[in-house]
Amino acid sequence: MVLKGTLLMPDALLPLFIFESRYREMLSFCLHHDRVVCVALMKSGVPEAVSTDDFYHVAGLGLIRACVTKPDGSSHLILHGIARVELRNFTQQKPFYIAEIRELPTRNADRDQIRALSAKVIEVCLRFKSKELDMVPEIENQLPHLSNPEVLSNIVTNTFIQDPYRKQDILQESGIIERLRLLLEYLEPE
């Protein structure tokens, strides 16, 4: 699924409203197969994805956790992000895209550096509360307990970074240290 201004981060939930006929077909296909769908971000300035060059090929893979179809054929669904993937070898483009996918592993590095960067991300996020910015209580309570730096990066990116192209930059970064540094860079101006 190619969307304008929206992408799916691993470990995040994404509510969607499906009403276009091509996406209704896609949803039916997914529900009858493996219940997974990729959400790819349309490139800036592209009004509609007419070719595979019009969107990013690093995307979020999501599991359809809930789906309610209304009498008019539209559906409300919740996607749960489960992986970062690369879209390859498109086997179908109409009415919706089908591609082979490859899960993108995260490169790890120095654990001390990762711990320090993770602590800094949590510190910056908790400062938002002191600036009287709204923070969901569940996020505030859980941040200090997130020991997995990938999960921390994904949840903080999804929650605090508003610009979809900055989210895409973070999603595409393969190294966790680089991802956390980029996240910190983007959090400071927020």
N, C-alpha and C. Protein backbone atom coordinates (compact mmCIF):
# COMPACT_ATOMS: atom_id res chain seq x y z
N MET A 1 0.85 -1.16 0.00
CA MET A 1 0.00 0.00 0.00
C MET A 1 0.90 1.23 0.00
N VAL A 2 0.67 2.12 -0.93
CA VAL A 2 1.46 3.36 -1.02
C VAL A 2 0.60 4.50 -0.50
N LEU A 3 1.12 5.21 0.50
CA LEU A 3 0.36 6.29 1.11
C LEU A 3 1.15 7.59 1.07
N LYS A 4 0.42 8.66 1.00
CA LYS A 4 1.01 9.99 1.02
C LYS A 4 1.07 10.46 2.47
N GLY A 5 2.27 10.77 2.94
CA GLY A 5 2.40 11.34 4.28
C GLY A 5 2.28 10.35 5.42
N THR A 6 2.23 9.06 5.13
CA THR A 6 2.07 8.05 6.19
C THR A 6 2.96 6.86 5.91
N LEU A 7 3.60 6.37 6.96
CA LEU A 7 4.34 5.12 6.86
C LEU A 7 4.15 4.35 8.15
N LEU A 8 4.54 3.09 8.13
CA LEU A 8 4.36 2.21 9.27
C LEU A 8 5.72 1.87 9.86
N MET A 9 5.88 2.20 11.14
CA MET A 9 7.11 1.84 11.85
C MET A 9 6.93 0.49 12.52
N PRO A 10 7.98 -0.33 12.59
CA PRO A 10 7.89 -1.55 13.38
C PRO A 10 7.53 -1.20 14.82
N ASP A 11 6.83 -2.08 15.50
CA ASP A 11 6.43 -1.93 16.90
C ASP A 11 5.37 -0.86 17.13
N ALA A 12 4.82 -0.30 16.07
CA ALA A 12 3.80 0.74 16.19
C ALA A 12 2.48 0.23 15.63
N LEU A 13 1.40 0.89 16.04
CA LEU A 13 0.08 0.58 15.50
C LEU A 13 -0.32 1.71 14.56
N LEU A 14 -0.97 1.34 13.47
CA LEU A 14 -1.43 2.31 12.49
C LEU A 14 -2.89 2.03 12.16
N PRO A 15 -3.80 2.92 12.57
CA PRO A 15 -5.20 2.75 12.17
C PRO A 15 -5.38 3.27 10.74
N LEU A 16 -6.13 2.54 9.93
CA LEU A 16 -6.38 2.95 8.55
C LEU A 16 -7.86 2.81 8.21
N PHE A 17 -8.31 3.67 7.32
CA PHE A 17 -9.66 3.59 6.78
C PHE A 17 -9.52 3.26 5.31
N ILE A 18 -10.02 2.12 4.89
CA ILE A 18 -9.90 1.64 3.51
C ILE A 18 -11.22 1.88 2.80
N PHE A 19 -11.16 2.67 1.71
CA PHE A 19 -12.39 2.95 0.98
C PHE A 19 -12.22 2.86 -0.53
N GLU A 20 -10.98 3.06 -1.03
CA GLU A 20 -10.75 2.98 -2.48
C GLU A 20 -10.88 1.53 -2.94
N SER A 21 -11.42 1.34 -4.14
CA SER A 21 -11.67 -0.02 -4.63
C SER A 21 -10.40 -0.85 -4.72
N ARG A 22 -9.28 -0.25 -5.17
CA ARG A 22 -8.04 -1.02 -5.28
C ARG A 22 -7.55 -1.50 -3.92
N TYR A 23 -7.73 -0.65 -2.89
CA TYR A 23 -7.29 -1.05 -1.57
C TYR A 23 -8.28 -2.01 -0.91
N ARG A 24 -9.55 -1.94 -1.32
CA ARG A 24 -10.51 -2.96 -0.87
C ARG A 24 -10.09 -4.33 -1.41
N GLU A 25 -9.68 -4.36 -2.69
CA GLU A 25 -9.20 -5.62 -3.28
C GLU A 25 -7.94 -6.11 -2.58
N MET A 26 -7.05 -5.17 -2.29
CA MET A 26 -5.82 -5.52 -1.59
C MET A 26 -6.12 -6.10 -0.22
N LEU A 27 -7.02 -5.46 0.52
CA LEU A 27 -7.38 -5.93 1.85
C LEU A 27 -7.98 -7.33 1.79
N SER A 28 -8.85 -7.56 0.84
CA SER A 28 -9.45 -8.89 0.68
C SER A 28 -8.37 -9.93 0.40
N PHE A 29 -7.44 -9.60 -0.48
CA PHE A 29 -6.33 -10.49 -0.81
C PHE A 29 -5.52 -10.82 0.45
N CYS A 30 -5.17 -9.77 1.21
CA CYS A 30 -4.35 -9.96 2.41
C CYS A 30 -5.07 -10.79 3.47
N LEU A 31 -6.35 -10.53 3.66
CA LEU A 31 -7.09 -11.27 4.67
C LEU A 31 -7.24 -12.75 4.31
N HIS A 32 -7.26 -13.05 3.01
CA HIS A 32 -7.39 -14.44 2.57
C HIS A 32 -6.04 -15.15 2.43
N HIS A 33 -4.96 -14.41 2.64
CA HIS A 33 -3.63 -15.03 2.54
C HIS A 33 -2.94 -15.00 3.90
N ASP A 34 -2.05 -14.07 4.11
CA ASP A 34 -1.23 -14.11 5.33
C ASP A 34 -1.48 -12.95 6.30
N ARG A 35 -2.43 -12.08 6.00
CA ARG A 35 -2.81 -10.95 6.86
C ARG A 35 -1.70 -9.92 7.02
N VAL A 36 -0.75 -9.86 6.09
CA VAL A 36 0.30 -8.85 6.16
C VAL A 36 0.20 -7.91 4.97
N VAL A 37 0.62 -6.68 5.21
CA VAL A 37 0.63 -5.66 4.17
C VAL A 37 1.82 -4.73 4.44
N CYS A 38 2.43 -4.26 3.38
CA CYS A 38 3.51 -3.27 3.51
C CYS A 38 2.92 -1.89 3.28
N VAL A 39 3.40 -0.94 4.04
CA VAL A 39 3.01 0.46 3.86
C VAL A 39 4.26 1.21 3.43
N ALA A 40 4.22 1.74 2.21
CA ALA A 40 5.34 2.50 1.65
C ALA A 40 4.95 3.97 1.54
N LEU A 41 5.89 4.84 1.78
CA LEU A 41 5.67 6.28 1.70
C LEU A 41 5.88 6.77 0.27
N MET A 42 4.90 7.53 -0.22
CA MET A 42 5.02 8.15 -1.54
C MET A 42 6.09 9.26 -1.46
N LYS A 43 6.87 9.40 -2.48
CA LYS A 43 7.92 10.42 -2.51
C LYS A 43 7.32 11.81 -2.55
N SER A 44 8.06 12.75 -2.03
CA SER A 44 7.62 14.14 -1.98
C SER A 44 7.34 14.68 -3.38
N GLY A 45 6.25 15.40 -3.52
CA GLY A 45 5.90 16.02 -4.78
C GLY A 45 5.19 15.11 -5.76
N VAL A 46 5.01 13.85 -5.41
CA VAL A 46 4.33 12.89 -6.30
C VAL A 46 2.86 12.89 -5.93
N PRO A 47 1.97 13.27 -6.86
CA PRO A 47 0.54 13.31 -6.52
C PRO A 47 -0.11 11.93 -6.40
N GLU A 48 0.39 10.97 -7.19
CA GLU A 48 -0.15 9.62 -7.16
C GLU A 48 0.91 8.65 -7.66
N ALA A 49 0.99 7.51 -7.01
CA ALA A 49 1.99 6.52 -7.40
C ALA A 49 1.53 5.80 -8.65
N VAL A 50 2.15 6.13 -9.79
CA VAL A 50 1.81 5.47 -11.05
C VAL A 50 2.89 4.48 -11.48
N SER A 51 4.05 4.53 -10.81
CA SER A 51 5.10 3.55 -11.07
C SER A 51 5.84 3.27 -9.77
N THR A 52 6.66 2.25 -9.80
CA THR A 52 7.41 1.88 -8.60
C THR A 52 8.49 2.90 -8.24
N ASP A 53 8.76 3.83 -9.13
CA ASP A 53 9.72 4.90 -8.84
C ASP A 53 9.12 6.02 -7.99
N ASP A 54 7.81 5.97 -7.78
CA ASP A 54 7.11 7.06 -7.10
C ASP A 54 7.05 6.91 -5.59
N PHE A 55 7.61 5.84 -5.06
CA PHE A 55 7.57 5.63 -3.61
C PHE A 55 8.85 4.96 -3.13
N TYR A 56 9.07 5.05 -1.83
CA TYR A 56 10.27 4.46 -1.23
C TYR A 56 10.11 2.95 -1.14
N HIS A 57 11.20 2.24 -1.37
CA HIS A 57 11.15 0.78 -1.36
C HIS A 57 11.56 0.18 -0.02
N VAL A 58 11.95 1.01 0.92
CA VAL A 58 12.09 0.55 2.30
C VAL A 58 10.78 0.92 2.98
N ALA A 59 10.11 -0.10 3.52
CA ALA A 59 8.76 0.10 4.03
C ALA A 59 8.57 -0.66 5.33
N GLY A 60 7.44 -0.39 5.95
CA GLY A 60 7.07 -1.13 7.15
C GLY A 60 6.14 -2.27 6.79
N LEU A 61 6.43 -3.45 7.32
CA LEU A 61 5.56 -4.61 7.13
C LEU A 61 4.64 -4.68 8.34
N GLY A 62 3.34 -4.78 8.07
CA GLY A 62 2.38 -4.81 9.16
C GLY A 62 1.46 -6.01 9.11
N LEU A 63 1.09 -6.46 10.29
CA LEU A 63 0.12 -7.52 10.45
C LEU A 63 -1.23 -6.88 10.72
N ILE A 64 -2.26 -7.32 10.00
CA ILE A 64 -3.61 -6.81 10.22
C ILE A 64 -4.12 -7.42 11.52
N ARG A 65 -4.18 -6.61 12.56
CA ARG A 65 -4.61 -7.08 13.88
C ARG A 65 -6.12 -7.05 14.04
N ALA A 66 -6.75 -6.07 13.41
CA ALA A 66 -8.21 -5.96 13.50
C ALA A 66 -8.72 -5.36 12.20
N CYS A 67 -9.89 -5.82 11.79
CA CYS A 67 -10.51 -5.29 10.57
C CYS A 67 -12.02 -5.36 10.73
N VAL A 68 -12.67 -4.22 10.54
CA VAL A 68 -14.13 -4.16 10.59
C VAL A 68 -14.60 -3.58 9.27
N THR A 69 -15.35 -4.40 8.53
CA THR A 69 -15.87 -3.97 7.23
C THR A 69 -17.30 -3.48 7.41
N LYS A 70 -17.57 -2.32 6.84
CA LYS A 70 -18.90 -1.71 6.95
C LYS A 70 -19.77 -2.16 5.77
N PRO A 71 -21.07 -1.98 5.87
CA PRO A 71 -21.97 -2.40 4.78
C PRO A 71 -21.65 -1.77 3.42
N ASP A 72 -21.05 -0.57 3.41
CA ASP A 72 -20.72 0.07 2.13
C ASP A 72 -19.43 -0.48 1.51
N GLY A 73 -18.78 -1.45 2.18
CA GLY A 73 -17.57 -2.06 1.66
C GLY A 73 -16.28 -1.43 2.17
N SER A 74 -16.37 -0.29 2.83
CA SER A 74 -15.18 0.32 3.41
C SER A 74 -14.82 -0.45 4.69
N SER A 75 -13.59 -0.28 5.13
CA SER A 75 -13.12 -1.01 6.31
C SER A 75 -12.25 -0.13 7.19
N HIS A 76 -12.34 -0.37 8.47
CA HIS A 76 -11.42 0.20 9.45
C HIS A 76 -10.50 -0.93 9.87
N LEU A 77 -9.20 -0.66 9.87
CA LEU A 77 -8.29 -1.70 10.30
C LEU A 77 -7.16 -1.12 11.13
N ILE A 78 -6.55 -2.01 11.88
CA ILE A 78 -5.38 -1.66 12.68
C ILE A 78 -4.23 -2.53 12.21
N LEU A 79 -3.15 -1.88 11.80
CA LEU A 79 -1.93 -2.59 11.42
C LEU A 79 -0.95 -2.51 12.58
N HIS A 80 -0.28 -3.61 12.82
CA HIS A 80 0.78 -3.66 13.82
C HIS A 80 2.10 -3.85 13.07
N GLY A 81 2.98 -2.86 13.14
CA GLY A 81 4.26 -2.94 12.45
C GLY A 81 5.13 -4.05 13.02
N ILE A 82 5.60 -4.93 12.13
CA ILE A 82 6.39 -6.07 12.62
C ILE A 82 7.82 -6.11 12.07
N ALA A 83 8.11 -5.34 11.01
CA ALA A 83 9.48 -5.40 10.46
C ALA A 83 9.74 -4.25 9.50
N ARG A 84 11.04 -3.98 9.31
CA ARG A 84 11.51 -3.09 8.24
C ARG A 84 11.83 -4.00 7.08
N VAL A 85 11.32 -3.66 5.91
CA VAL A 85 11.55 -4.52 4.74
C VAL A 85 11.93 -3.68 3.52
N GLU A 86 12.55 -4.36 2.58
CA GLU A 86 12.84 -3.77 1.28
C GLU A 86 11.92 -4.44 0.26
N LEU A 87 11.25 -3.62 -0.54
CA LEU A 87 10.38 -4.14 -1.60
C LEU A 87 11.24 -4.41 -2.82
N ARG A 88 11.10 -5.62 -3.40
CA ARG A 88 11.91 -6.01 -4.56
C ARG A 88 11.05 -6.77 -5.54
N ASN A 89 11.47 -6.81 -6.76
CA ASN A 89 10.82 -7.65 -7.78
C ASN A 89 9.30 -7.56 -7.74
N PHE A 90 8.79 -6.46 -8.20
CA PHE A 90 7.34 -6.28 -8.22
C PHE A 90 6.73 -7.25 -9.22
N THR A 91 5.81 -8.07 -8.74
CA THR A 91 5.16 -9.06 -9.59
C THR A 91 3.79 -8.60 -10.04
N GLN A 92 3.29 -7.53 -9.45
CA GLN A 92 1.99 -6.96 -9.83
C GLN A 92 2.00 -5.48 -9.49
N GLN A 93 1.38 -4.67 -10.37
CA GLN A 93 1.26 -3.24 -10.10
C GLN A 93 -0.20 -2.78 -10.08
N LYS A 94 -1.08 -3.50 -10.72
CA LYS A 94 -2.50 -3.12 -10.77
C LYS A 94 -3.35 -4.29 -10.32
N PRO A 95 -4.39 -4.13 -9.61
CA PRO A 95 -4.92 -2.88 -9.03
C PRO A 95 -4.13 -2.40 -7.81
N PHE A 96 -3.26 -3.27 -7.26
CA PHE A 96 -2.40 -2.87 -6.14
C PHE A 96 -1.05 -3.57 -6.34
N TYR A 97 -0.03 -3.04 -5.67
CA TYR A 97 1.32 -3.57 -5.82
C TYR A 97 1.50 -4.86 -5.02
N ILE A 98 2.19 -5.81 -5.65
CA ILE A 98 2.66 -7.01 -4.96
C ILE A 98 4.15 -7.13 -5.28
N ALA A 99 4.94 -7.33 -4.24
CA ALA A 99 6.39 -7.43 -4.42
C ALA A 99 6.96 -8.50 -3.50
N GLU A 100 8.10 -9.00 -3.87
CA GLU A 100 8.86 -9.83 -2.95
C GLU A 100 9.45 -8.88 -1.93
N ILE A 101 9.62 -9.38 -0.71
CA ILE A 101 10.21 -8.53 0.33
C ILE A 101 11.40 -9.23 0.95
N ARG A 102 12.28 -8.38 1.47
CA ARG A 102 13.45 -8.88 2.21
C ARG A 102 13.50 -8.10 3.51
N GLU A 103 13.48 -8.83 4.63
CA GLU A 103 13.58 -8.16 5.91
C GLU A 103 14.95 -7.52 6.04
N LEU A 104 14.98 -6.31 6.57
CA LEU A 104 16.23 -5.57 6.71
C LEU A 104 16.74 -5.71 8.14
N PRO A 105 17.84 -6.39 8.31
CA PRO A 105 18.39 -6.54 9.67
C PRO A 105 19.01 -5.22 10.12
N THR A 106 19.08 -5.06 11.42
CA THR A 106 19.71 -3.88 11.99
C THR A 106 21.14 -4.22 12.36
N ARG A 107 22.04 -3.35 11.93
CA ARG A 107 23.45 -3.51 12.31
C ARG A 107 23.62 -3.03 13.75
N ASN A 108 24.26 -3.83 14.55
CA ASN A 108 24.55 -3.43 15.92
C ASN A 108 26.00 -2.99 16.01
N ALA A 109 26.32 -2.35 17.11
CA ALA A 109 27.68 -1.88 17.31
C ALA A 109 27.97 -1.86 18.80
N ASP A 110 28.81 -0.98 19.21
CA ASP A 110 29.25 -0.85 20.60
C ASP A 110 28.06 -0.69 21.56
N ARG A 111 27.92 -1.65 22.47
CA ARG A 111 26.78 -1.65 23.40
C ARG A 111 26.76 -0.42 24.31
N ASP A 112 27.94 0.04 24.76
CA ASP A 112 27.99 1.21 25.63
C ASP A 112 27.49 2.45 24.90
N GLN A 113 27.87 2.58 23.65
CA GLN A 113 27.42 3.71 22.85
C GLN A 113 25.90 3.64 22.62
N ILE A 114 25.41 2.44 22.36
CA ILE A 114 23.96 2.26 22.16
C ILE A 114 23.22 2.62 23.44
N ARG A 115 23.72 2.16 24.60
CA ARG A 115 23.05 2.48 25.88
C ARG A 115 23.04 3.99 26.13
N ALA A 116 24.16 4.65 25.86
CA ALA A 116 24.25 6.09 26.09
C ALA A 116 23.29 6.85 25.17
N LEU A 117 23.23 6.46 23.91
CA LEU A 117 22.31 7.12 22.98
C LEU A 117 20.85 6.85 23.35
N SER A 118 20.55 5.63 23.76
CA SER A 118 19.19 5.30 24.19
C SER A 118 18.78 6.14 25.39
N ALA A 119 19.68 6.28 26.35
CA ALA A 119 19.39 7.10 27.54
C ALA A 119 19.15 8.54 27.15
N LYS A 120 19.92 9.04 26.20
CA LYS A 120 19.74 10.42 25.73
C LYS A 120 18.39 10.60 25.04
N VAL A 121 17.96 9.62 24.24
CA VAL A 121 16.65 9.67 23.59
C VAL A 121 15.55 9.76 24.65
N ILE A 122 15.64 8.92 25.67
CA ILE A 122 14.63 8.94 26.74
C ILE A 122 14.64 10.28 27.46
N GLU A 123 15.82 10.79 27.75
CA GLU A 123 15.95 12.09 28.43
C GLU A 123 15.29 13.21 27.61
N VAL A 124 15.56 13.24 26.32
CA VAL A 124 14.98 14.28 25.46
C VAL A 124 13.46 14.16 25.43
N CYS A 125 12.95 12.95 25.33
CA CYS A 125 11.50 12.75 25.30
C CYS A 125 10.84 13.18 26.60
N LEU A 126 11.47 12.85 27.72
CA LEU A 126 10.89 13.22 29.00
C LEU A 126 10.94 14.73 29.23
N ARG A 127 11.86 15.41 28.56
CA ARG A 127 11.90 16.88 28.63
C ARG A 127 10.66 17.50 27.99
N PHE A 128 10.06 16.79 27.04
CA PHE A 128 8.84 17.31 26.41
C PHE A 128 7.77 17.55 27.45
N LYS A 129 7.68 16.69 28.45
CA LYS A 129 6.67 16.86 29.50
C LYS A 129 6.95 18.14 30.27
N SER A 130 8.22 18.41 30.56
CA SER A 130 8.56 19.62 31.32
C SER A 130 8.26 20.88 30.51
N LYS A 131 8.17 20.73 29.19
CA LYS A 131 7.81 21.87 28.34
C LYS A 131 6.29 21.96 28.16
N GLU A 132 5.58 21.16 28.97
CA GLU A 132 4.12 21.12 28.96
C GLU A 132 3.55 20.68 27.61
N LEU A 133 4.28 19.83 26.93
CA LEU A 133 3.77 19.22 25.72
C LEU A 133 3.03 17.95 26.11
N ASP A 134 1.94 17.68 25.43
CA ASP A 134 1.16 16.48 25.76
C ASP A 134 1.96 15.22 25.48
N MET A 135 1.95 14.32 26.46
CA MET A 135 2.57 13.03 26.28
C MET A 135 1.60 11.99 26.83
N VAL A 136 1.33 10.99 26.02
CA VAL A 136 0.44 9.92 26.47
C VAL A 136 1.07 9.29 27.72
N PRO A 137 0.29 9.17 28.82
CA PRO A 137 0.87 8.61 30.06
C PRO A 137 1.52 7.24 29.87
N GLU A 138 0.95 6.40 29.03
CA GLU A 138 1.53 5.08 28.81
C GLU A 138 2.93 5.18 28.22
N ILE A 139 3.13 6.13 27.31
CA ILE A 139 4.46 6.31 26.70
C ILE A 139 5.43 6.82 27.77
N GLU A 140 5.01 7.82 28.52
CA GLU A 140 5.86 8.39 29.56
C GLU A 140 6.30 7.31 30.56
N ASN A 141 5.38 6.45 30.95
CA ASN A 141 5.69 5.41 31.94
C ASN A 141 6.56 4.30 31.36
N GLN A 142 6.42 4.00 30.08
CA GLN A 142 7.14 2.88 29.48
C GLN A 142 8.53 3.25 28.96
N LEU A 143 8.74 4.50 28.58
CA LEU A 143 10.04 4.88 27.99
C LEU A 143 11.24 4.42 28.82
N PRO A 144 11.27 4.70 30.12
CA PRO A 144 12.47 4.31 30.88
C PRO A 144 12.68 2.79 30.97
N HIS A 145 11.66 2.01 30.63
CA HIS A 145 11.76 0.55 30.75
C HIS A 145 12.05 -0.15 29.43
N LEU A 146 12.17 0.62 28.35
CA LEU A 146 12.44 0.02 27.05
C LEU A 146 13.93 -0.27 26.94
N SER A 147 14.28 -1.54 27.06
CA SER A 147 15.70 -1.92 27.05
C SER A 147 16.20 -2.25 25.64
N ASN A 148 15.29 -2.52 24.71
CA ASN A 148 15.68 -2.83 23.34
C ASN A 148 15.80 -1.53 22.56
N PRO A 149 16.99 -1.16 22.10
CA PRO A 149 17.17 0.13 21.42
C PRO A 149 16.38 0.24 20.11
N GLU A 150 16.17 -0.88 19.43
CA GLU A 150 15.36 -0.84 18.20
C GLU A 150 13.92 -0.49 18.50
N VAL A 151 13.36 -1.14 19.52
CA VAL A 151 11.97 -0.86 19.91
C VAL A 151 11.85 0.59 20.38
N LEU A 152 12.80 1.04 21.18
CA LEU A 152 12.82 2.43 21.63
C LEU A 152 12.82 3.38 20.44
N SER A 153 13.72 3.14 19.50
CA SER A 153 13.82 3.99 18.32
C SER A 153 12.51 4.01 17.53
N ASN A 154 11.92 2.83 17.34
CA ASN A 154 10.68 2.75 16.56
C ASN A 154 9.52 3.46 17.25
N ILE A 155 9.36 3.25 18.54
CA ILE A 155 8.24 3.85 19.26
C ILE A 155 8.40 5.36 19.37
N VAL A 156 9.61 5.81 19.68
CA VAL A 156 9.84 7.26 19.79
C VAL A 156 9.67 7.93 18.42
N THR A 157 10.18 7.31 17.38
CA THR A 157 10.01 7.87 16.03
C THR A 157 8.52 7.99 15.70
N ASN A 158 7.80 6.93 15.92
CA ASN A 158 6.37 6.93 15.61
C ASN A 158 5.60 7.96 16.43
N THR A 159 5.97 8.11 17.70
CA THR A 159 5.23 8.98 18.61
C THR A 159 5.59 10.46 18.47
N PHE A 160 6.88 10.75 18.32
CA PHE A 160 7.33 12.14 18.43
C PHE A 160 7.75 12.81 17.13
N ILE A 161 8.06 12.06 16.12
CA ILE A 161 8.51 12.68 14.86
C ILE A 161 7.29 12.83 13.95
N GLN A 162 6.97 14.04 13.61
CA GLN A 162 5.78 14.31 12.81
C GLN A 162 6.02 14.26 11.31
N ASP A 163 7.18 14.68 10.87
CA ASP A 163 7.49 14.74 9.44
C ASP A 163 7.69 13.32 8.88
N PRO A 164 6.84 12.89 7.93
CA PRO A 164 6.96 11.52 7.43
C PRO A 164 8.28 11.24 6.71
N TYR A 165 8.90 12.26 6.13
CA TYR A 165 10.16 12.04 5.42
C TYR A 165 11.32 11.86 6.41
N ARG A 166 11.22 12.49 7.57
CA ARG A 166 12.20 12.24 8.63
C ARG A 166 12.02 10.82 9.18
N LYS A 167 10.76 10.43 9.34
CA LYS A 167 10.49 9.05 9.77
C LYS A 167 11.09 8.06 8.77
N GLN A 168 10.94 8.37 7.48
CA GLN A 168 11.48 7.51 6.43
C GLN A 168 13.00 7.42 6.53
N ASP A 169 13.65 8.56 6.80
CA ASP A 169 15.11 8.56 6.98
C ASP A 169 15.52 7.59 8.08
N ILE A 170 14.79 7.62 9.18
CA ILE A 170 15.11 6.75 10.31
C ILE A 170 14.82 5.30 9.94
N LEU A 171 13.69 5.05 9.30
CA LEU A 171 13.32 3.69 8.90
C LEU A 171 14.37 3.08 7.98
N GLN A 172 14.94 3.87 7.09
CA GLN A 172 15.90 3.37 6.10
C GLN A 172 17.29 3.11 6.68
N GLU A 173 17.60 3.73 7.82
CA GLU A 173 18.94 3.60 8.40
C GLU A 173 19.14 2.19 8.95
N SER A 174 20.20 1.52 8.51
CA SER A 174 20.42 0.13 8.92
C SER A 174 21.13 -0.01 10.26
N GLY A 175 21.92 0.96 10.65
CA GLY A 175 22.67 0.86 11.90
C GLY A 175 21.89 1.47 13.05
N ILE A 176 21.84 0.78 14.19
CA ILE A 176 21.07 1.30 15.32
C ILE A 176 21.71 2.55 15.91
N ILE A 177 23.03 2.63 15.93
CA ILE A 177 23.68 3.85 16.43
C ILE A 177 23.33 5.03 15.53
N GLU A 178 23.42 4.83 14.23
CA GLU A 178 23.09 5.90 13.29
C GLU A 178 21.60 6.27 13.40
N ARG A 179 20.75 5.28 13.60
CA ARG A 179 19.31 5.54 13.73
C ARG A 179 19.01 6.36 14.98
N LEU A 180 19.65 6.01 16.09
CA LEU A 180 19.45 6.77 17.33
C LEU A 180 20.00 8.19 17.21
N ARG A 181 21.15 8.34 16.56
CA ARG A 181 21.71 9.69 16.35
C ARG A 181 20.78 10.55 15.49
N LEU A 182 20.27 9.96 14.43
CA LEU A 182 19.36 10.67 13.55
C LEU A 182 18.08 11.04 14.30
N LEU A 183 17.59 10.13 15.09
CA LEU A 183 16.40 10.39 15.91
C LEU A 183 16.65 11.57 16.85
N LEU A 184 17.80 11.59 17.51
CA LEU A 184 18.12 12.70 18.40
C LEU A 184 18.21 14.02 17.64
N GLU A 185 18.80 13.98 16.48
CA GLU A 185 18.89 15.20 15.65
C GLU A 185 17.49 15.72 15.31
N TYR A 186 16.59 14.83 14.97
CA TYR A 186 15.23 15.22 14.59
C TYR A 186 14.37 15.59 15.80
N LEU A 187 14.68 15.02 16.97
CA LEU A 187 13.90 15.33 18.17
C LEU A 187 14.18 16.73 18.68
N GLU A 188 15.40 17.18 18.59
CA GLU A 188 15.78 18.48 19.17
C GLU A 188 14.91 19.63 18.66
N PRO A 189 14.67 19.76 17.34
CA PRO A 189 13.85 20.88 16.90
C PRO A 189 12.35 20.69 17.17
N GLU A 190 11.89 19.45 17.46
CA GLU A 190 10.46 19.17 17.59
C GLU A 190 9.81 19.95 18.71
